[in-house]
Structures are given as structure tokens and as C-alpha cells.
Amino acid sequence: MNRKILIVDDEADIVELVSYNLKKEGFEVEAALDGEEALKKINADTYTLLVLDLMLPGIQGMELCRIIRNNPKTNKLPIIMLTAKGEELDRVLGLEIGADDYMTKPFSPRELAARIKAVLRRTREKENIGADAKPVAQGVIRLGDLSIDRETYTVTKKGDKLNLSATEFKLFLYLAERKGRVFSRDQLLDAIWRDEAFVEPRTVDVHIRRLRTQVEDDPANPVYIKTRRGIGYYVEPGS
């Protein structure tokens, strides 16, 4: 299994500290000090995960994340974003454009290693989902123009495949299999992120928002993924 991590940060001391700790955990580590160098490395090699600083010389972390997510060859690369900023907006924007997790500087290298392992566990679920797959006739859920295929771990809309992350798919499938039932943030955290120690309830809202931008024609007026104000989220029974 490939276990190569790319660290993108212009602070050499952070790169050195993170590299040292990840190597102790058995990872192979490479580094890039700016966005341009990182992009060249990503296009030339295969990485298990990207640790990406928000503030970089040249191509900023947010823009690099967008480039990676818009490229079919790299859009599944797990990304943990680092930021020295404490504002919630920066964290939410990072998650909305495709980061899988975030950490605010200063941070514990041990916690970063734990988060990396957690993100990789979620990613591996996509590869392992077919092990206990149901027959094809039972493996597809249809919701209006949407088809959710348990066996290929994909969602299509009017025949076009949507670019969902493993966690987004798992969340959508969980709700779709239980149409009409309303789940609170805490219930969804327990169901989807049950083995994660560092996930905040806000993460559920961010993933729901990202799901709606893909599955709904009008995300502001959703047809499939509904909100029960003050309670939680559900998939519309009649969809």
C-alpha cells in the first residue's frame, strides 16, 4: 500500500517537525515549500494524502485545493488543510472546497498523525465497500433523477456521475436508506464518523451543504436532502 505523504508548507521548521513524526509512524514523506512546486509533484507522482498550508507563496492553499479537486486525475486525493487563522470562515471554506479535515496552527504532531490515519481509514472504505455487496437488483437506490449504487460506490444524476468523496457518499447513502427519518448532527456523527476523535458537529453541516451542491438542482431549495429546523437532516420520503 502506498503511504506517501506530501507536506506543502513554506515554514521549514514545521515541515521538518511533521516529516520527522510521520516517518516515525511509517509514512514516506516529501515536501514542497510553495504551491507551484506542490502542483508539479502532485502531477508527477502518486501520494496517499496531502497536508496543505492555507497561506503559501504563489498559489495559495485554497486555490491549490480547487485545482486538485477539479482535476479528474487528482480529485480523490485526501487533503488535510493547515491554517494559522482561527476564524471559522477559513475552516468552513477549506472544507467546502474539498479539504477532508483541517488543523489550526500551532498543532500537535501526534494529533496530525491521528487525523491522517482517520482520513485514510475513511478513504479505504470506498475500496472495501464491495466486499459485502448486495446483488445488483438490490444495490441501487433511486431518488428521482438520482441513482445511488452501493456496489460501485457512485451516485449518478440523469446518468452523469457525481464527484462525491467517500464520506459524502456514505452520508448520502445512510440517509437515503432511511428515507423520512430525521437524524440529528450527533446521530450522524456517531453513524458516519463513529471512530473519529476530532470531528465537530459543524462538519455534518458542511458535508450536507457540499452534497446539496451536487445532488440538488437548486441547493437553496432542496428536493432530496431536507432540514428539519432545530432537529436535523433527512431524505424526503416521496423523492
Protein backbone atom coordinates (compact mmCIF):
# COMPACT_ATOMS: atom_id res chain seq x y z
CA MET A 1 0.00 0.00 0.00
CA ASN A 2 1.29 3.45 -0.91
CA ARG A 3 1.90 5.52 2.26
CA LYS A 4 3.50 8.63 0.78
CA ILE A 5 2.51 11.98 2.30
CA LEU A 6 3.19 15.34 0.65
CA ILE A 7 3.59 18.27 3.06
CA VAL A 8 3.06 21.70 1.49
CA ASP A 9 4.20 24.49 3.82
CA ASP A 10 6.64 27.39 3.45
CA GLU A 11 7.77 27.14 7.09
CA ALA A 12 10.80 24.84 7.08
CA ASP A 13 10.63 24.13 10.81
CA ILE A 14 7.05 22.88 10.52
CA VAL A 15 7.95 20.72 7.53
CA GLU A 16 10.87 19.24 9.45
CA LEU A 17 8.80 18.56 12.59
CA VAL A 18 5.88 17.00 10.72
CA SER A 19 8.18 14.94 8.50
CA TYR A 20 10.04 13.56 11.50
CA ASN A 21 6.86 12.49 13.27
CA LEU A 22 5.20 10.98 10.21
CA LYS A 23 8.31 8.99 9.35
CA LYS A 24 8.18 7.57 12.88
CA GLU A 25 4.63 6.42 12.06
CA GLY A 26 5.90 4.57 8.99
CA PHE A 27 4.98 7.07 6.29
CA GLU A 28 7.21 8.12 3.42
CA VAL A 29 7.28 11.92 3.37
CA GLU A 30 8.03 14.51 0.70
CA ALA A 31 7.76 18.29 0.98
CA ALA A 32 7.06 21.34 -1.16
CA LEU A 33 7.63 24.90 0.04
CA ASP A 34 5.17 26.62 -2.30
CA GLY A 35 2.09 25.91 -4.38
CA GLU A 36 3.84 25.69 -7.74
CA GLU A 37 6.32 23.09 -6.51
CA ALA A 38 3.49 21.13 -4.90
CA LEU A 39 1.46 21.10 -8.12
CA LYS A 40 4.43 19.77 -10.09
CA LYS A 41 4.97 16.98 -7.57
CA ILE A 42 1.28 16.04 -7.47
CA ASN A 43 1.11 15.83 -11.27
CA ALA A 44 4.31 13.77 -11.45
CA ASP A 45 3.79 11.31 -8.59
CA THR A 46 1.15 9.49 -6.55
CA TYR A 47 0.54 10.44 -2.93
CA THR A 48 -1.56 8.91 -0.18
CA LEU A 49 -2.52 12.25 1.33
CA LEU A 50 -1.71 15.95 1.15
CA VAL A 51 -1.02 18.15 4.19
CA LEU A 52 -1.65 21.64 2.80
CA ASP A 53 -0.99 25.01 4.41
CA LEU A 54 -3.57 27.70 3.68
CA MET A 55 -1.07 30.56 3.33
CA LEU A 56 1.58 29.86 0.68
CA PRO A 57 3.78 31.90 -1.65
CA GLY A 58 2.49 31.89 -5.21
CA ILE A 59 -0.51 29.59 -5.50
CA GLN A 60 -2.44 29.83 -2.23
CA GLY A 61 -3.64 26.75 -0.39
CA MET A 62 -7.32 27.37 -1.21
CA GLU A 63 -6.58 27.73 -4.92
CA LEU A 64 -4.34 24.65 -4.95
CA CYS A 65 -7.14 22.67 -3.30
CA ARG A 66 -9.56 23.82 -6.02
CA ILE A 67 -7.11 22.84 -8.76
CA ILE A 68 -6.66 19.38 -7.26
CA ARG A 69 -10.40 18.81 -6.86
CA ASN A 70 -11.15 19.95 -10.43
CA ASN A 71 -8.60 17.56 -11.96
CA PRO A 72 -10.05 14.05 -12.57
CA LYS A 73 -6.59 12.55 -12.00
CA THR A 74 -6.19 14.05 -8.53
CA ASN A 75 -9.70 14.81 -7.27
CA LYS A 76 -9.74 11.83 -4.90
CA LEU A 77 -6.51 12.83 -3.14
CA PRO A 78 -7.25 13.25 0.60
CA ILE A 79 -6.34 16.72 1.90
CA ILE A 80 -5.79 18.00 5.43
CA MET A 81 -5.52 21.78 5.49
CA LEU A 82 -3.34 23.72 7.93
CA THR A 83 -4.07 27.31 8.85
CA ALA A 84 -2.71 29.87 11.26
CA LYS A 85 -6.05 31.65 11.15
CA GLY A 86 -8.60 30.89 13.83
CA GLU A 87 -11.70 32.23 12.12
CA GLU A 88 -14.47 29.72 11.49
CA LEU A 89 -14.93 31.08 7.95
CA ASP A 90 -11.47 29.90 6.89
CA ARG A 91 -12.11 26.41 8.23
CA VAL A 92 -15.53 26.15 6.62
CA LEU A 93 -14.28 27.45 3.26
CA GLY A 94 -11.50 24.89 3.30
CA LEU A 95 -13.96 22.06 3.90
CA GLU A 96 -16.41 23.39 1.32
CA ILE A 97 -13.85 23.47 -1.49
CA GLY A 98 -12.82 19.90 -0.80
CA ALA A 99 -10.48 19.57 2.18
CA ASP A 100 -11.20 16.41 4.18
CA ASP A 101 -10.10 17.89 7.50
CA TYR A 102 -8.28 20.91 8.92
CA MET A 103 -5.95 21.82 11.77
CA THR A 104 -5.15 25.23 13.22
CA LYS A 105 -1.54 26.17 13.97
CA PRO A 106 0.06 25.59 16.38
CA PHE A 107 -0.89 21.92 16.47
CA SER A 108 0.25 18.65 17.97
CA PRO A 109 2.19 16.43 15.51
CA ARG A 110 0.66 13.40 17.22
CA GLU A 111 -2.84 14.75 16.63
CA LEU A 112 -1.99 15.42 12.98
CA ALA A 113 -0.80 11.82 12.61
CA ALA A 114 -4.04 10.61 14.20
CA ARG A 115 -6.11 12.73 11.84
CA ILE A 116 -4.16 11.47 8.82
CA LYS A 117 -4.87 7.88 9.84
CA ALA A 118 -8.55 8.71 10.38
CA VAL A 119 -8.91 10.31 6.94
CA LEU A 120 -7.16 7.35 5.31
CA ARG A 121 -9.49 4.92 7.10
CA ARG A 122 -12.48 6.74 5.64
CA THR A 123 -10.90 6.70 2.19
CA ARG A 124 -10.25 2.96 2.38
CA GLU A 125 -13.94 2.36 3.00
CA LYS A 126 -14.53 3.26 -0.63
CA GLU A 127 -12.19 0.48 -1.74
CA ASN A 128 -13.64 -2.08 0.67
CA ILE A 129 -17.33 -1.35 0.21
CA GLY A 130 -17.75 -4.11 -2.38
CA ALA A 131 -16.63 -6.89 -0.05
CA ASP A 132 -20.13 -7.44 1.33
CA ALA A 133 -22.01 -6.03 -1.64
CA LYS A 134 -25.66 -6.87 -2.25
CA PRO A 135 -26.96 -8.21 -5.59
CA VAL A 136 -27.24 -5.53 -8.28
CA ALA A 137 -31.04 -5.56 -8.20
CA GLN A 138 -30.91 -4.62 -4.51
CA GLY A 139 -27.79 -2.49 -4.68
CA VAL A 140 -29.23 0.62 -6.35
CA ILE A 141 -31.42 3.22 -4.65
CA ARG A 142 -33.33 5.54 -6.97
CA LEU A 143 -34.42 9.01 -5.90
CA GLY A 144 -35.97 10.97 -8.73
CA ASP A 145 -33.14 11.71 -11.18
CA LEU A 146 -30.57 10.19 -8.81
CA SER A 147 -29.22 6.65 -8.62
CA ILE A 148 -27.15 5.56 -5.62
CA ASP A 149 -25.15 2.42 -6.39
CA ARG A 150 -23.82 0.61 -3.32
CA GLU A 151 -21.60 -1.69 -5.37
CA THR A 152 -19.73 0.90 -7.39
CA TYR A 153 -19.89 3.48 -4.57
CA THR A 154 -21.21 6.08 -7.01
CA VAL A 155 -24.12 8.46 -7.40
CA THR A 156 -25.40 9.45 -10.84
CA LYS A 157 -27.73 12.31 -11.73
CA LYS A 158 -29.59 11.99 -15.03
CA GLY A 159 -26.94 9.44 -15.99
CA ASP A 160 -23.96 11.66 -15.14
CA LYS A 161 -21.61 10.51 -12.37
CA LEU A 162 -21.25 12.92 -9.45
CA ASN A 163 -17.89 13.59 -7.85
CA LEU A 164 -18.62 12.66 -4.22
CA SER A 165 -15.98 11.88 -1.63
CA ALA A 166 -16.16 8.59 0.27
CA THR A 167 -17.60 10.35 3.31
CA GLU A 168 -20.17 12.28 1.26
CA PHE A 169 -21.32 9.05 -0.37
CA LYS A 170 -21.57 7.25 2.96
CA LEU A 171 -23.60 10.10 4.46
CA PHE A 172 -25.99 10.29 1.49
CA LEU A 173 -26.43 6.51 1.39
CA TYR A 174 -27.12 6.40 5.13
CA LEU A 175 -29.90 9.00 4.81
CA ALA A 176 -31.32 7.52 1.59
CA GLU A 177 -31.60 4.05 3.14
CA ARG A 178 -33.67 5.60 5.94
CA LYS A 179 -35.93 7.93 3.97
CA GLY A 180 -38.19 10.06 6.11
CA ARG A 181 -36.28 9.54 9.33
CA VAL A 182 -34.75 12.71 10.79
CA PHE A 183 -31.22 12.46 12.20
CA SER A 184 -29.53 14.99 14.47
CA ARG A 185 -25.93 16.09 13.93
CA ASP A 186 -24.81 13.92 16.84
CA GLN A 187 -26.58 10.87 15.44
CA LEU A 188 -24.94 11.37 12.05
CA LEU A 189 -21.54 11.88 13.68
CA ASP A 190 -21.97 8.59 15.52
CA ALA A 191 -23.06 6.78 12.36
CA ILE A 192 -20.63 8.20 9.79
CA TRP A 193 -17.67 9.44 11.84
CA ARG A 194 -18.03 6.94 14.69
CA ASP A 195 -14.29 6.20 15.03
CA GLU A 196 -13.15 9.82 14.72
CA ALA A 197 -12.00 11.65 17.84
CA PHE A 198 -11.66 15.17 16.41
CA VAL A 199 -14.76 15.79 14.29
CA GLU A 200 -17.02 18.71 15.26
CA PRO A 201 -20.82 18.81 14.73
CA ARG A 202 -20.25 21.65 12.22
CA THR A 203 -18.64 19.05 9.92
CA VAL A 204 -22.06 17.49 9.30
CA ASP A 205 -23.45 20.83 8.08
CA VAL A 206 -20.51 21.33 5.73
CA HIS A 207 -20.88 17.86 4.19
CA ILE A 208 -24.65 18.31 3.78
CA ARG A 209 -24.02 21.64 2.03
CA ARG A 210 -21.47 20.02 -0.30
CA LEU A 211 -23.87 17.16 -1.04
CA ARG A 212 -26.67 19.56 -1.91
CA THR A 213 -24.49 21.48 -4.38
CA GLN A 214 -24.14 18.25 -6.36
CA VAL A 215 -27.42 16.36 -5.98
CA GLU A 216 -29.88 19.27 -5.95
CA ASP A 217 -30.87 21.42 -8.94
CA ASP A 218 -31.34 24.32 -6.52
CA PRO A 219 -29.31 23.77 -3.33
CA ALA A 220 -31.09 26.68 -1.63
CA ASN A 221 -34.42 24.86 -2.10
CA PRO A 222 -33.51 21.19 -1.75
CA VAL A 223 -35.79 18.43 -3.01
CA TYR A 224 -33.87 15.41 -1.73
CA ILE A 225 -31.91 16.35 1.42
CA LYS A 226 -34.19 18.27 3.76
CA THR A 227 -33.62 20.12 7.03
CA ARG A 228 -35.96 19.75 9.99
CA ARG A 229 -35.23 23.02 11.77
CA GLY A 230 -33.83 22.55 15.24
CA ILE A 231 -33.63 18.77 14.83
CA GLY A 232 -31.52 17.60 11.91
CA TYR A 233 -31.50 16.25 8.34
CA TYR A 234 -33.44 13.66 6.35
CA VAL A 235 -34.09 12.45 2.82
CA GLU A 236 -37.58 13.31 1.61
CA PRO A 237 -39.73 10.10 1.65
CA GLY A 238 -41.52 10.96 -1.58
CA SER A 239 -38.37 11.71 -3.58
